[in-house]
């Protein structure tokens, strides 16, 4: 759809972009961080709180939602939005990464991926068409194609075989998508996933082929899988230099604040990562001054609020000493406060990045912020 994405401004001193994605469940201003809600919930935070911290979109996962609660339940409720009481956009990953991470429990063929459930060992099969059907039942606003995530390191031959298979699946996915309709009357959009491991020539080959298929958006997959950060940035820069300017770009499963701000500088629009929620549950707090291990004894008497660096009720209200007490006491509230704060921080980070792009000050702000963020423990 031609009016799905509008590019508003590209920074004068780098490739950073500000844009808007238009969906039936609302607009998404980019750059944007998307909290991961794998099973229809972002862990340790309620949907009402996600609204309060200005989350514009969340993720669900096709593999997990297919197994539980199942497409029959989702159809009965009228889709995931109604099931979980979330009225903003949802993006669903295809579940391909989860299937391929099962290793000994799955088998790949040109037809699709056969696998055993990690829950009960039952046998299942994902084809490009079935993955579209599942995401139709979920009712997500943005769908992802089934692809093979190439491991790192990977040989050139294996990476070439992988992109050949993924391209066949991508071609079948978009053909099936264009010949089917959404279940609940809302628009849905389909993204391709760029692969090719760390080989520039394979990345170029694959992206040029899927660009010709004219997807609604394009994601960069197969990164943050163990490769050095500089290699990730080189591949990201290569990909954004090839991808069309009038389509959104999504870097999957990345990353740290530094990863995100650097990728924004390279022209990426959308991000997701489990780090802010997972690390929150382990007691790592992201602040505008740097990362904090809240279990450290030096915070026992701290009357400082969690972070005055941005506006958020949780961050500006509770003290570090109180939050440490909750973690040491293993109170559930510790996970809730830490999760709320970390997600609010990530959302503030990408929201501020957008403001700096629009004002023409992105690169300098990014460099200044990271110098401060990385120098204070």
Protein backbone atom coordinates (compact mmCIF):
# COMPACT_ATOMS: atom_id res chain seq x y z
CA UNK A 1 0.00 0.00 0.00
CA UNK A 2 1.48 3.33 -1.09
CA UNK A 3 0.37 5.26 2.00
CA UNK A 4 1.71 2.75 4.57
CA UNK A 5 4.90 4.71 5.28
CA UNK A 6 5.83 8.36 4.95
CA UNK A 7 9.45 9.45 5.19
CA UNK A 8 9.52 12.86 6.81
CA UNK A 9 13.19 13.74 7.11
CA UNK A 10 16.65 12.28 6.67
CA UNK A 11 19.41 13.80 8.75
CA UNK A 12 21.79 16.09 6.89
CA UNK A 13 24.93 14.58 8.44
CA UNK A 14 24.08 10.85 8.39
CA UNK A 15 21.46 8.34 7.20
CA UNK A 16 19.19 8.71 10.27
CA UNK A 17 15.50 8.99 9.28
CA UNK A 18 12.25 10.14 10.82
CA UNK A 19 9.00 8.78 9.40
CA UNK A 20 5.48 7.61 10.15
CA UNK A 21 3.94 4.16 9.64
CA UNK A 22 0.15 4.16 9.21
CA UNK A 23 -1.89 1.16 10.41
CA UNK A 24 -5.52 0.45 11.24
CA UNK A 25 -4.61 0.56 14.95
CA UNK A 26 -2.82 3.88 14.84
CA UNK A 27 0.26 5.70 13.62
CA UNK A 28 3.82 4.72 14.54
CA UNK A 29 6.41 7.49 14.58
CA UNK A 30 9.89 6.27 13.73
CA UNK A 31 12.55 5.57 14.83
CA UNK A 32 10.69 3.28 17.22
CA UNK A 33 11.50 0.62 19.79
CA UNK A 34 8.96 -2.21 19.97
CA UNK A 35 8.63 -4.04 23.33
CA UNK A 36 8.65 -7.82 22.97
CA UNK A 37 5.38 -9.46 23.99
CA UNK A 38 6.07 -12.99 22.78
CA UNK A 39 2.98 -14.73 24.17
CA UNK A 40 0.49 -11.89 24.11
CA UNK A 41 2.09 -10.15 27.07
CA UNK A 42 5.17 -8.04 27.67
CA UNK A 43 6.64 -9.73 30.74
CA UNK A 44 6.07 -7.99 34.11
CA UNK A 45 4.15 -5.01 32.73
CA UNK A 46 0.45 -4.53 32.03
CA UNK A 47 -0.98 -3.12 28.82
CA UNK A 48 -2.24 -0.03 30.67
CA UNK A 49 1.31 0.74 31.79
CA UNK A 50 2.61 0.24 28.25
CA UNK A 51 0.22 2.97 27.18
CA UNK A 52 1.40 5.22 30.01
CA UNK A 53 5.05 4.93 28.95
CA UNK A 54 4.04 5.75 25.35
CA UNK A 55 4.64 2.40 23.68
CA UNK A 56 3.40 2.75 20.10
CA UNK A 57 3.59 -0.90 19.05
CA UNK A 58 4.42 -4.28 20.61
CA UNK A 59 5.53 -7.65 19.25
CA UNK A 60 3.91 -11.04 19.35
CA UNK A 61 5.39 -14.32 18.16
CA UNK A 62 3.72 -16.61 15.66
CA UNK A 63 5.34 -19.81 16.93
CA UNK A 64 4.37 -19.30 20.57
CA UNK A 65 0.86 -17.98 19.89
CA UNK A 66 0.22 -20.85 17.48
CA UNK A 67 1.06 -23.37 20.22
CA UNK A 68 -0.65 -21.42 23.02
CA UNK A 69 -3.42 -20.33 23.09
CA UNK A 70 -3.84 -21.53 19.47
CA UNK A 71 -5.46 -19.97 16.43
CA UNK A 72 -8.90 -21.35 17.36
CA UNK A 73 -8.88 -19.34 20.58
CA UNK A 74 -7.56 -16.21 18.87
CA UNK A 75 -10.23 -16.41 16.17
CA UNK A 76 -12.92 -16.90 18.81
CA UNK A 77 -11.82 -13.72 20.58
CA UNK A 78 -11.56 -11.76 17.33
CA UNK A 79 -7.77 -11.62 17.21
CA UNK A 80 -4.91 -10.83 19.56
CA UNK A 81 -5.80 -7.15 19.99
CA UNK A 82 -9.14 -8.01 21.57
CA UNK A 83 -7.77 -11.04 23.40
CA UNK A 84 -5.13 -9.01 25.26
CA UNK A 85 -7.00 -5.68 25.32
CA UNK A 86 -4.38 -3.78 23.31
CA UNK A 87 -5.70 -1.29 20.75
CA UNK A 88 -2.40 -0.14 19.25
CA UNK A 89 -0.38 -1.82 16.48
CA UNK A 90 1.12 -5.30 16.81
CA UNK A 91 3.95 -6.82 14.77
CA UNK A 92 4.35 -10.59 14.72
CA UNK A 93 7.57 -12.40 13.95
CA UNK A 94 7.06 -15.42 11.72
CA UNK A 95 8.29 -17.87 14.35
CA UNK A 96 11.05 -18.98 12.01
CA UNK A 97 13.81 -18.08 14.45
CA UNK A 98 12.15 -20.12 17.21
CA UNK A 99 11.68 -23.12 14.91
CA UNK A 100 15.26 -23.06 13.71
CA UNK A 101 16.61 -22.66 17.24
CA UNK A 102 15.06 -26.06 18.07
CA UNK A 103 17.92 -27.70 16.11
CA UNK A 104 17.41 -31.44 16.74
CA UNK A 105 13.63 -30.99 16.91
CA UNK A 106 13.16 -29.67 13.39
CA UNK A 107 13.70 -30.56 9.73
CA UNK A 108 13.87 -28.15 6.79
CA UNK A 109 12.61 -28.89 3.31
CA UNK A 110 11.71 -26.72 0.34
CA UNK A 111 8.07 -27.15 1.37
CA UNK A 112 8.59 -25.74 4.88
CA UNK A 113 9.83 -26.53 8.37
CA UNK A 114 8.77 -29.59 10.33
CA UNK A 115 9.29 -29.37 14.08
CA UNK A 116 8.34 -30.74 17.47
CA UNK A 117 6.75 -28.49 20.07
CA UNK A 118 9.06 -27.55 22.92
CA UNK A 119 6.00 -27.86 25.19
CA UNK A 120 4.80 -31.41 24.62
CA UNK A 121 6.82 -32.84 21.72
CA UNK A 122 3.85 -32.82 19.33
CA UNK A 123 4.69 -32.61 15.62
CA UNK A 124 3.90 -29.55 13.51
CA UNK A 125 4.76 -28.07 10.13
CA UNK A 126 5.20 -24.43 9.13
CA UNK A 127 4.95 -23.55 5.45
CA UNK A 128 5.14 -19.98 4.12
CA UNK A 129 1.39 -20.11 3.53
CA UNK A 130 0.53 -21.53 6.95
CA UNK A 131 2.58 -18.84 8.69
CA UNK A 132 0.55 -16.20 6.84
CA UNK A 133 -2.67 -17.96 7.89
CA UNK A 134 -1.58 -18.00 11.54
CA UNK A 135 -0.75 -14.29 11.44
CA UNK A 136 -4.11 -13.62 9.78
CA UNK A 137 -5.72 -15.34 12.77
CA UNK A 138 -3.59 -13.32 15.18
CA UNK A 139 -4.70 -10.16 13.40
CA UNK A 140 -1.33 -8.42 13.67
CA UNK A 141 -0.83 -5.20 11.75
CA UNK A 142 2.63 -6.13 10.45
CA UNK A 143 3.42 -9.72 9.44
CA UNK A 144 6.78 -11.34 8.75
CA UNK A 145 7.60 -13.99 6.15
CA UNK A 146 8.91 -17.43 7.05
CA UNK A 147 12.66 -17.51 6.52
CA UNK A 148 15.75 -19.38 7.64
CA UNK A 149 17.97 -17.51 10.09
CA UNK A 150 21.53 -18.42 9.15
CA UNK A 151 23.74 -19.15 12.19
CA UNK A 152 27.05 -17.43 12.84
CA UNK A 153 29.57 -18.39 11.71
CA UNK A 154 28.30 -19.89 8.48
CA UNK A 155 30.14 -21.00 5.36
CA UNK A 156 29.50 -19.20 2.09
CA UNK A 157 27.96 -22.34 0.60
CA UNK A 158 25.57 -22.82 3.52
CA UNK A 159 24.61 -19.14 3.49
CA UNK A 160 23.95 -19.29 -0.26
CA UNK A 161 21.73 -22.37 0.13
CA UNK A 162 19.91 -20.59 2.93
CA UNK A 163 19.07 -17.45 0.95
CA UNK A 164 17.93 -19.55 -2.01
CA UNK A 165 15.49 -21.37 0.28
CA UNK A 166 14.38 -18.17 2.01
CA UNK A 167 13.73 -16.48 -1.32
CA UNK A 168 11.50 -19.33 -2.46
CA UNK A 169 9.59 -19.00 0.80
CA UNK A 170 9.40 -15.20 0.49
CA UNK A 171 8.00 -15.48 -3.05
CA UNK A 172 5.33 -17.94 -1.91
CA UNK A 173 4.55 -15.79 1.13
CA UNK A 174 3.81 -12.60 -0.76
CA UNK A 175 1.83 -14.40 -3.46
CA UNK A 176 -0.34 -16.09 -0.81
CA UNK A 177 -0.64 -12.87 1.19
CA UNK A 178 -1.93 -10.99 -1.86
CA UNK A 179 -4.48 -13.70 -2.57
CA UNK A 180 -5.96 -13.84 0.94
CA UNK A 181 -7.81 -11.35 3.12
CA UNK A 182 -7.53 -10.26 6.77
CA UNK A 183 -9.98 -11.94 9.15
CA UNK A 184 -11.10 -8.92 11.16
CA UNK A 185 -11.45 -6.10 8.66
CA UNK A 186 -8.17 -4.34 9.51
CA UNK A 187 -5.30 -3.72 7.11
CA UNK A 188 -2.29 -6.00 7.37
CA UNK A 189 1.17 -5.45 5.90
CA UNK A 190 3.94 -7.92 5.05
CA UNK A 191 7.69 -7.49 5.55
CA UNK A 192 10.46 -9.45 3.88
CA UNK A 193 13.47 -10.52 5.96
CA UNK A 194 16.94 -9.94 4.51
CA UNK A 195 19.47 -12.73 5.09
CA UNK A 196 22.89 -13.68 3.74
CA UNK A 197 24.97 -14.10 6.88
CA UNK A 198 28.08 -11.87 6.93
CA UNK A 199 28.71 -12.08 3.18
CA UNK A 200 28.10 -8.69 1.48
CA UNK A 201 27.58 -10.24 -1.96
CA UNK A 202 24.88 -12.57 -0.63
CA UNK A 203 23.16 -9.74 1.25
CA UNK A 204 23.10 -7.67 -1.95
CA UNK A 205 21.83 -10.57 -4.04
CA UNK A 206 19.04 -11.43 -1.65
CA UNK A 207 17.85 -7.88 -0.97
CA UNK A 208 17.73 -6.97 -4.64
CA UNK A 209 15.57 -10.03 -5.34
CA UNK A 210 13.07 -9.39 -2.54
CA UNK A 211 12.92 -5.66 -3.34
CA UNK A 212 11.67 -6.66 -6.79
CA UNK A 213 8.76 -8.45 -5.06
CA UNK A 214 7.68 -5.08 -3.58
CA UNK A 215 6.98 -5.92 0.06
CA UNK A 216 5.41 -3.32 2.34
CA UNK A 217 8.58 -3.16 4.46
CA UNK A 218 11.95 -4.80 4.84
CA UNK A 219 13.71 -6.19 7.87
CA UNK A 220 17.37 -7.03 8.33
CA UNK A 221 17.65 -10.48 9.87
CA UNK A 222 20.49 -12.77 10.83
CA UNK A 223 22.37 -10.19 12.92
CA UNK A 224 23.08 -10.03 16.65
CA UNK A 225 23.74 -13.77 16.51
CA UNK A 226 27.26 -13.68 17.91
CA UNK A 227 29.14 -11.63 15.34
CA UNK A 228 31.32 -8.64 16.39
CA UNK A 229 29.44 -5.35 16.71
CA UNK A 230 31.46 -3.70 13.95
CA UNK A 231 30.51 -6.48 11.54
CA UNK A 232 26.85 -5.99 12.45
CA UNK A 233 27.15 -2.28 11.71
CA UNK A 234 28.89 -2.93 8.38
CA UNK A 235 26.15 -5.29 7.23
CA UNK A 236 23.43 -2.92 8.46
CA UNK A 237 25.02 -0.02 6.59
CA UNK A 238 25.24 -2.14 3.46
CA UNK A 239 21.59 -3.16 3.70
CA UNK A 240 20.19 0.32 4.32
CA UNK A 241 22.18 1.52 1.33
CA UNK A 242 20.27 -0.95 -0.85
CA UNK A 243 16.77 -0.84 0.64
CA UNK A 244 14.21 1.57 -0.87
CA UNK A 245 13.84 4.92 0.89
CA UNK A 246 10.03 4.82 0.78
CA UNK A 247 9.69 1.61 2.81
CA UNK A 248 10.28 1.07 6.57
CA UNK A 249 13.43 -0.75 7.69
CA UNK A 250 13.44 -3.05 10.70
CA UNK A 251 16.60 -4.41 12.35
CA UNK A 252 15.47 -7.58 14.10
CA UNK A 253 16.58 -8.52 17.62
CA UNK A 254 18.94 -5.57 18.20
CA UNK A 255 19.95 -4.38 20.73
CA UNK A 256 21.78 -2.34 23.35
CA UNK A 257 21.25 1.44 23.51
CA UNK A 258 24.53 1.86 21.61
CA UNK A 259 23.43 -0.68 18.96
CA UNK A 260 20.13 1.11 18.46
CA UNK A 261 21.53 4.63 18.23
CA UNK A 262 24.27 3.51 15.84
CA UNK A 263 21.77 1.64 13.65
CA UNK A 264 19.50 4.70 13.59
CA UNK A 265 22.49 6.66 12.32
CA UNK A 266 22.81 4.02 9.57
CA UNK A 267 19.19 4.46 8.47
CA UNK A 268 17.13 1.91 10.46
CA UNK A 269 13.56 2.74 11.56
CA UNK A 270 12.33 -0.12 13.80
CA UNK A 271 13.87 -2.18 16.59
CA UNK A 272 12.94 -4.91 19.05
CA UNK A 273 14.93 -6.67 21.74
CA UNK A 274 14.29 -8.57 24.97
CA UNK A 275 17.17 -6.83 26.75
CA UNK A 276 15.22 -4.10 28.61
CA UNK A 277 12.70 -6.57 30.04
CA UNK A 278 15.02 -9.54 30.57
CA UNK A 279 17.76 -7.47 32.17
CA UNK A 280 15.21 -5.68 34.34
CA UNK A 281 14.20 -9.01 35.86
CA UNK A 282 17.88 -9.67 36.63
CA UNK A 283 18.38 -6.31 38.32
CA UNK A 284 20.13 -4.33 35.58
CA UNK A 285 18.68 -0.84 35.23
CA UNK A 286 19.28 1.38 32.19
CA UNK A 287 19.48 5.08 33.04
CA UNK A 288 20.48 8.24 31.23
CA UNK A 289 23.71 8.14 33.28
CA UNK A 290 24.58 4.53 32.49
CA UNK A 291 23.76 0.98 33.57
CA UNK A 292 23.14 0.11 37.22
CA UNK A 293 23.34 -3.25 38.99
CA UNK A 294 20.65 -2.47 41.53
CA UNK A 295 21.69 -5.37 43.80
CA UNK A 296 25.01 -3.65 44.47
CA UNK A 297 25.42 -2.78 48.17
CA UNK A 298 26.31 0.84 47.39
CA UNK A 299 22.65 1.53 46.61
CA UNK A 300 21.41 0.29 50.01
CA UNK A 301 21.04 3.82 51.43
CA UNK A 302 20.57 5.68 48.14
CA UNK A 303 17.78 8.24 48.24
CA UNK A 304 18.27 9.11 44.58
CA UNK A 305 15.28 8.43 42.35
CA UNK A 306 15.87 5.81 39.68
CA UNK A 307 16.43 8.34 36.89
CA UNK A 308 15.60 12.04 36.65
CA UNK A 309 16.89 12.10 33.08
CA UNK A 310 13.49 11.69 31.45
CA UNK A 311 9.86 12.05 32.44
CA UNK A 312 8.34 8.85 33.81
CA UNK A 313 6.38 8.44 37.02
CA UNK A 314 8.08 5.21 38.06
CA UNK A 315 11.58 6.49 37.28
CA UNK A 316 11.10 9.84 39.02
CA UNK A 317 9.28 8.50 42.10
CA UNK A 318 10.92 5.39 43.57
CA UNK A 319 14.43 5.55 45.05
CA UNK A 320 17.33 3.29 44.17
CA UNK A 321 17.49 2.22 47.82
CA UNK A 322 13.86 1.10 47.77
CA UNK A 323 14.23 -0.74 44.46
CA UNK A 324 17.31 -2.54 45.78
CA UNK A 325 15.36 -3.59 48.87
CA UNK A 326 12.62 -5.08 46.68
CA UNK A 327 15.17 -7.11 44.68
CA UNK A 328 17.01 -8.35 47.76
CA UNK A 329 13.64 -9.32 49.29
CA UNK A 330 12.61 -11.02 46.02
CA UNK A 331 9.40 -9.02 45.82
CA UNK A 332 7.44 -9.23 42.56
CA UNK A 333 7.10 -5.45 42.58
CA UNK A 334 10.86 -5.22 41.93
CA UNK A 335 10.39 -6.84 38.50
CA UNK A 336 7.44 -4.60 37.70
CA UNK A 337 9.19 -1.35 38.61
CA UNK A 338 12.43 -2.30 36.85
CA UNK A 339 10.60 -3.43 33.70
CA UNK A 340 8.49 -0.28 33.55
CA UNK A 341 11.56 1.89 33.94
CA UNK A 342 13.77 0.04 31.42
CA UNK A 343 11.09 0.06 28.74
CA UNK A 344 10.32 3.72 29.43
CA UNK A 345 14.04 4.42 28.98
CA UNK A 346 14.23 2.60 25.63
CA UNK A 347 11.08 4.33 24.39
CA UNK A 348 12.41 7.71 25.54
CA UNK A 349 15.69 6.97 23.73
CA UNK A 350 14.10 6.38 20.32
CA UNK A 351 11.58 9.18 20.85
CA UNK A 352 14.43 11.60 21.57
CA UNK A 353 16.37 10.28 18.58
CA UNK A 354 13.41 11.23 16.39
CA UNK A 355 13.33 14.72 17.87
CA UNK A 356 17.03 15.19 17.19
CA UNK A 357 16.68 13.97 13.60
CA UNK A 358 13.87 16.44 12.98
CA UNK A 359 15.91 19.26 14.51
CA UNK A 360 19.02 18.33 12.50
CA UNK A 361 21.15 17.52 15.56
CA UNK A 362 21.13 13.73 15.63
CA UNK A 363 24.79 12.72 15.21
CA UNK A 364 26.12 15.19 17.78
CA UNK A 365 23.42 14.27 20.30
CA UNK A 366 24.05 10.55 19.77
CA UNK A 367 27.79 10.91 20.31
CA UNK A 368 27.35 13.09 23.40
CA UNK A 369 24.77 10.75 24.89
CA UNK A 370 26.85 7.59 24.40
CA UNK A 371 29.99 9.23 25.79
CA UNK A 372 28.06 9.97 28.99
CA UNK A 373 26.15 6.67 29.04
CA UNK A 374 29.23 4.49 28.57
CA UNK A 375 31.51 6.38 30.96
CA UNK A 376 29.39 6.05 34.09
CA UNK A 377 28.76 2.72 35.79
